[in-house]
Protein backbone atom coordinates (compact mmCIF):
# COMPACT_ATOMS: atom_id res chain seq x y z
CA MET A 1 0.00 0.00 0.00
CA ARG A 2 1.16 3.49 -0.72
CA LEU A 3 2.22 5.14 2.49
CA ASP A 4 0.42 8.37 1.56
CA ARG A 5 -2.93 6.53 1.31
CA MET A 6 -2.38 4.73 4.63
CA LEU A 7 -1.49 8.05 6.22
CA GLY A 8 -4.52 9.72 4.63
CA ILE A 9 -6.89 7.07 6.01
CA THR A 10 -5.33 7.46 9.46
CA MET A 11 -5.86 11.22 9.26
CA GLU A 12 -9.51 10.69 8.30
CA LEU A 13 -9.96 8.44 11.33
CA LEU A 14 -8.28 10.97 13.62
CA THR A 15 -10.31 13.96 12.44
CA ARG A 16 -13.76 12.40 11.94
CA GLN A 17 -16.17 10.47 14.15
CA ARG A 18 -16.89 7.67 11.68
CA VAL A 19 -15.87 6.91 8.09
CA THR A 20 -17.29 4.34 5.67
CA ALA A 21 -15.42 1.96 3.40
CA ALA A 22 -17.31 3.33 0.39
CA GLY A 23 -16.45 6.91 1.35
CA LEU A 24 -12.76 6.10 1.77
CA ALA A 25 -12.71 4.14 -1.49
CA SER A 26 -14.19 7.11 -3.33
CA ARG A 27 -11.82 9.59 -1.71
CA PHE A 28 -8.66 7.61 -2.45
CA GLU A 29 -9.91 6.17 -5.77
CA VAL A 30 -9.37 2.51 -4.86
CA SER A 31 -11.65 -0.49 -4.38
CA ILE A 32 -13.54 -1.19 -1.15
CA ARG A 33 -11.52 -4.41 -0.87
CA THR A 34 -8.31 -2.33 -0.82
CA ILE A 35 -9.73 -0.14 1.95
CA TYR A 36 -10.45 -3.20 4.10
CA ARG A 37 -6.86 -4.37 3.59
CA ASP A 38 -5.58 -0.90 4.50
CA ILE A 39 -7.66 -0.82 7.68
CA GLU A 40 -6.28 -4.23 8.65
CA LEU A 41 -2.70 -2.96 8.20
CA ILE A 42 -3.45 0.15 10.26
CA ASN A 43 -4.77 -2.11 13.03
CA GLN A 44 -1.64 -4.26 12.85
CA ALA A 45 0.48 -1.11 13.10
CA GLY A 46 -0.96 -0.48 16.57
CA ILE A 47 -3.75 2.01 15.81
CA PRO A 48 -6.98 0.36 17.07
CA VAL A 49 -9.77 0.72 14.50
CA VAL A 50 -13.27 -0.52 15.36
CA SER A 51 -15.61 -1.72 12.59
CA TYR A 52 -19.40 -1.25 12.77
CA THR A 53 -21.95 -2.98 10.52
CA GLY A 54 -25.42 -1.95 9.44
CA ALA A 55 -26.89 1.14 7.79
CA ASP A 56 -24.83 3.44 10.03
CA GLY A 57 -21.74 1.24 9.86
CA GLY A 58 -18.18 2.28 9.21
CA PHE A 59 -14.84 2.62 10.95
CA GLU A 60 -13.86 4.56 14.08
CA LEU A 61 -10.84 4.77 16.32
CA MET A 62 -11.35 2.90 19.58
CA ASN A 63 -12.77 5.08 22.34
CA GLY A 64 -10.03 6.57 24.48
CA PHE A 65 -7.29 6.14 21.91
CA PHE A 66 -4.97 9.09 21.57
CA LEU A 67 -1.52 9.77 20.16
CA THR A 68 1.39 9.68 22.55
CA LYS A 69 5.14 9.92 22.12
CA GLN A 70 5.26 6.15 22.54
CA HIS A 71 3.25 5.58 19.35
CA PHE A 72 5.27 7.81 17.01
CA SER A 73 8.88 8.95 16.87
CA VAL A 74 9.80 12.57 16.11
CA GLU A 75 10.51 11.53 12.52
CA ASP A 76 7.08 9.90 12.20
CA LEU A 77 5.27 12.92 13.58
CA SER A 78 7.37 15.21 11.41
CA VAL A 79 6.21 13.53 8.22
CA ILE A 80 2.57 13.79 9.29
CA TYR A 81 3.05 17.42 10.31
CA HIS A 82 4.68 18.48 7.05
CA LEU A 83 2.17 16.57 4.92
CA LEU A 84 -0.66 18.31 6.74
CA GLU A 85 1.15 21.61 6.33
CA GLY A 86 1.23 21.10 2.57
CA MET A 87 -2.39 19.91 2.46
CA ASP A 88 -3.83 22.63 4.68
CA GLY A 89 -4.78 24.91 1.81
CA ALA A 90 -6.59 22.17 -0.07
CA MET A 91 -8.39 21.12 3.12
CA GLY A 92 -9.67 24.63 3.74
CA GLY A 93 -7.71 25.10 6.97
CA ARG A 94 -9.11 21.94 8.61
CA ALA A 95 -5.62 20.54 9.16
CA ALA A 96 -4.50 23.45 11.36
CA SER A 97 -6.01 22.13 14.58
CA PHE A 98 -4.42 18.72 14.19
CA MET A 99 -1.06 20.31 13.34
CA HIS A 100 -1.30 22.24 16.60
CA LYS A 101 -1.92 19.01 18.53
CA LEU A 102 1.08 17.35 16.89
CA SER A 103 3.38 20.25 17.68
CA GLY A 104 2.16 20.02 21.27
CA LEU A 105 3.27 16.38 21.42
CA GLN A 106 6.65 17.16 19.88
CA PRO A 107 7.69 20.85 19.97
CA GLU A 108 10.75 19.88 17.90
CA LEU A 109 8.45 19.67 14.88
CA LEU A 110 8.40 23.45 14.68
CA ASN A 111 12.14 23.68 13.95
CA GLY A 112 11.68 21.99 10.56
CA LYS A 113 14.83 19.88 10.86
CA HIS A 114 13.22 16.45 10.87
CA ASN A 115 11.97 15.23 7.51
CA LYS A 116 12.64 11.49 7.33
CA LEU A 117 10.22 8.62 7.76
CA ILE A 118 10.65 5.25 9.41
CA PHE A 119 7.61 3.49 10.85
CA ASP A 120 9.26 1.68 13.76
CA MET A 121 6.07 -0.28 14.21
CA SER A 122 6.40 -1.90 10.77
CA THR A 123 10.14 -2.11 10.17
CA SER A 124 12.53 -4.79 11.39
CA PRO A 125 16.06 -3.82 12.52
CA SER A 126 17.58 -5.51 9.46
CA GLU A 127 15.29 -3.56 7.11
CA LYS A 128 16.08 -0.27 8.86
CA ALA A 129 19.73 -0.78 7.96
CA VAL A 130 18.64 -0.82 4.30
CA ILE A 131 15.83 1.74 4.38
CA TRP A 132 17.84 4.57 5.94
CA PRO A 133 20.45 4.53 3.12
CA LEU A 134 17.63 4.25 0.58
CA ILE A 135 16.01 7.38 2.02
CA ASP A 136 19.36 9.19 1.73
CA ALA A 137 19.58 8.02 -1.89
CA LEU A 138 16.05 9.24 -2.59
CA ASN A 139 16.73 12.63 -1.06
CA GLY A 140 20.09 13.02 -2.82
CA HIS A 141 19.03 11.49 -6.18
CA ARG A 142 21.90 9.00 -5.96
CA VAL A 143 22.13 5.68 -7.80
CA VAL A 144 22.22 2.59 -5.55
CA SER A 145 23.69 -0.81 -6.29
CA PHE A 146 22.68 -4.05 -4.60
CA SER A 147 22.27 -7.78 -5.01
CA TYR A 148 18.65 -8.84 -5.43
CA THR A 149 17.14 -12.27 -4.87
CA SER A 150 13.87 -12.91 -6.72
CA ALA A 151 10.98 -14.97 -5.34
CA SER A 152 12.27 -17.94 -7.34
CA GLY A 153 15.73 -17.64 -5.74
CA THR A 154 17.56 -16.09 -8.70
CA ARG A 155 20.20 -13.55 -7.61
CA THR A 156 21.20 -10.62 -9.82
CA ALA A 157 23.31 -7.49 -9.41
CA ARG A 158 21.31 -4.29 -9.89
CA ARG A 159 21.97 -0.57 -10.27
CA VAL A 160 18.84 1.48 -9.62
CA GLU A 161 17.68 5.10 -9.57
CA PRO A 162 15.37 5.15 -6.48
CA MET A 163 11.95 6.72 -7.00
CA ALA A 164 9.88 5.87 -3.90
CA LEU A 165 9.49 3.59 -0.88
CA TYR A 166 6.17 1.81 -0.26
CA TRP A 167 4.73 -0.27 2.57
CA GLU A 168 2.37 -2.95 1.25
CA SER A 169 1.11 -6.31 2.53
CA ARG A 170 3.37 -6.10 5.60
CA ALA A 171 6.52 -5.50 3.57
CA TRP A 172 8.64 -2.58 2.30
CA TYR A 173 9.17 -2.12 -1.44
CA LEU A 174 11.55 0.09 -3.39
CA GLU A 175 10.29 1.55 -6.64
CA GLY A 176 13.03 2.60 -9.01
CA TYR A 177 14.36 2.73 -12.54
CA CYS A 178 16.54 -0.34 -13.09
CA LEU A 179 19.54 0.57 -15.22
CA MET A 180 20.03 -3.09 -16.11
CA ARG A 181 16.44 -3.78 -17.25
CA LYS A 182 15.90 -0.25 -18.62
CA ALA A 183 12.47 -0.15 -16.98
CA ARG A 184 10.65 0.75 -13.77
CA ARG A 185 10.78 -2.04 -11.21
CA PHE A 186 9.60 -2.84 -7.68
CA PHE A 187 12.05 -4.54 -5.30
CA ARG A 188 11.11 -6.10 -1.99
CA VAL A 189 13.48 -4.56 0.55
CA SER A 190 13.92 -7.78 2.53
CA ARG A 191 15.46 -9.36 -0.60
CA LEU A 192 18.14 -6.68 -1.00
CA SER A 193 21.70 -7.34 0.13
CA ALA A 194 25.11 -5.69 -0.24
CA LEU A 195 23.46 -2.29 -0.70
CA GLU A 196 25.79 0.57 -1.64
CA LEU A 197 25.16 4.26 -2.31
CA THR A 198 27.19 5.37 -5.28
CA ASP A 199 28.45 8.89 -5.92
CA GLU A 200 26.56 8.91 -9.21
CA GLN A 201 23.64 11.36 -9.19
CA PHE A 202 20.67 11.34 -11.58
CA GLN A 203 17.83 13.58 -12.70
CA PRO A 204 14.46 12.16 -11.54
CA ARG A 205 12.53 10.60 -14.40
CA ASP A 206 8.84 11.07 -15.23
CA ALA A 207 7.33 7.81 -13.95
CA SER A 208 4.35 8.05 -16.34
CA THR A 209 6.68 7.74 -19.37
CA LEU A 210 8.69 4.77 -18.11
CA PRO A 211 8.10 1.20 -19.27
CA ALA A 212 7.05 -0.94 -16.32
CA GLU A 213 7.22 -4.62 -15.54
CA GLU A 214 4.07 -6.57 -16.27
CA GLU A 215 1.64 -6.35 -13.39
CA ASN A 216 0.83 -9.59 -11.65
CA ALA A 217 -2.78 -10.32 -12.56
CA GLY A 218 -3.12 -12.56 -9.53
CA LEU A 219 -4.78 -15.94 -9.06
CA HIS A 220 -8.57 -15.72 -9.33
CA VAL A 221 -10.09 -18.39 -7.10
CA HIS A 222 -13.52 -19.73 -6.19
CA LEU A 223 -13.67 -21.38 -2.78
CA ARG A 224 -16.66 -23.04 -1.11
CA PHE A 225 -16.73 -23.22 2.71
CA ASP A 226 -18.90 -25.24 5.09
CA ALA A 227 -21.43 -23.22 7.07
CA GLN A 228 -19.62 -24.19 10.31
CA VAL A 229 -16.80 -21.76 9.47
CA SER A 230 -18.99 -19.04 7.94
CA GLN A 231 -18.20 -16.47 10.64
CA ARG A 232 -14.45 -16.80 10.15
CA VAL A 233 -14.90 -16.66 6.37
CA LYS A 234 -16.97 -13.47 6.57
CA GLU A 235 -14.31 -11.83 8.75
CA GLN A 236 -11.42 -12.88 6.48
CA PHE A 237 -13.14 -12.21 3.13
CA LYS A 238 -15.33 -9.29 4.14
CA ASP A 239 -16.60 -8.18 0.72
CA SER A 240 -15.79 -11.30 -1.31
CA TYR A 241 -18.29 -13.82 0.05
CA THR A 242 -21.88 -14.78 -0.73
CA GLY A 243 -23.92 -16.77 1.76
CA HIS A 244 -26.03 -19.78 0.77
CA GLU A 245 -27.99 -22.39 2.66
CA GLY A 246 -25.37 -24.73 4.10
CA TYR A 247 -22.28 -23.12 2.58
CA VAL A 248 -20.47 -19.87 1.77
CA ASP A 249 -18.88 -19.06 -1.58
CA VAL A 250 -15.85 -16.80 -1.91
CA HIS A 251 -14.59 -15.27 -5.16
CA THR A 252 -11.29 -13.49 -4.58
CA VAL A 253 -7.81 -12.89 -5.94
CA PHE A 254 -4.55 -14.10 -4.38
CA TYR A 255 -1.32 -12.52 -5.57
CA SER A 256 0.77 -15.38 -4.22
CA THR A 257 0.01 -19.05 -4.89
CA GLU A 258 1.92 -19.98 -1.76
CA TYR A 259 -0.36 -17.76 0.35
CA ALA A 260 -3.47 -19.17 -1.35
CA VAL A 261 -2.34 -22.69 -0.48
CA SER A 262 -1.73 -21.71 3.15
CA VAL A 263 -5.23 -20.22 3.43
CA VAL A 264 -6.87 -23.33 1.97
CA LEU A 265 -4.92 -25.65 4.28
CA SER A 266 -5.81 -23.55 7.32
CA TYR A 267 -9.49 -24.49 6.80
CA GLY A 268 -8.76 -28.21 6.47
CA SER A 269 -11.77 -30.21 5.27
CA ARG A 270 -14.09 -27.22 5.67
CA VAL A 271 -13.20 -25.77 2.27
CA THR A 272 -13.43 -27.01 -1.32
CA ILE A 273 -11.50 -25.45 -4.20
CA MET A 274 -13.99 -24.93 -7.02
CA SER A 275 -11.41 -23.29 -9.29
CA PRO A 276 -8.77 -22.99 -10.64
CA ALA A 277 -7.40 -26.45 -11.25
CA GLU A 278 -3.84 -25.24 -10.76
CA LEU A 279 -4.57 -24.32 -7.14
CA LYS A 280 -6.02 -27.80 -6.56
CA ARG A 281 -2.78 -29.31 -7.89
CA GLU A 282 -0.64 -27.06 -5.69
CA VAL A 283 -2.64 -27.99 -2.57
CA LEU A 284 -2.43 -31.71 -3.36
CA GLU A 285 1.31 -31.42 -3.97
CA THR A 286 1.80 -29.62 -0.64
CA ILE A 287 -0.26 -32.23 1.21
CA SER A 288 1.83 -34.96 -0.42
CA GLN A 289 5.04 -33.26 0.70
CA ILE A 290 3.71 -32.97 4.27
CA GLN A 291 2.76 -36.66 4.30
CA GLU A 292 6.18 -37.64 3.03
CA MET A 293 7.88 -35.54 5.68
CA TYR A 294 6.03 -37.32 8.52
CA ARG A 295 6.40 -40.86 7.19
């Protein structure tokens, strides 16, 4: 997920009594399914969001929740403060009151010296050692070199012009122009090693004109669950299920076959794969490997 959207949703929750998934989806121009995923990540980051159903349903921050210095570092608050500062005109002055509250929590924000972002709540120590240099490279428009291991285990040496850092699906990603592939690429930060900042500087490119790697269309699946697990299914696949007498159908997209297999196995005999056939084969192969391991 783009950090700016996650931050924007958090700001909406902090400044309004209740927000709806449809309203957030319209505001940020994404699907309702994406909003539910974003809310889940915000919850995992330590900001308690309560969900309400029904005609007046929506999302709210848990009663009594408030920002403290233990939730955000000076750098975290600085990013929020300066983003609000830049957005204040477009928001018709509504951001001013929240900016005042932030500066009350951390008076250092007013000196304007802190402008870097690390979400301590979502970043492991090993990733911080990579992200800090990447932020320096982004700010200084410096080419970085590193060794990258793909999901299949292939390792390649890369030289990249960094463009942005994103937090999505519980992982950090670097977006950049790969000088080897001559195209825009996304790199999972946890797969980077031997990172070096070079002295070579570059002029930022217009991302809209760059060729990009083919987008993963994902694995479209149809799962059928027994009624006994319907409550869990409805919580996990909030807007992807349809209830029937005796069973629940789910039509969704998984962007990792490995994750799809893990979800299916977690329901045991309470789920049937209706499609695709390739997922059935992957599940059977995994079950076979598990059986062999315990023989």
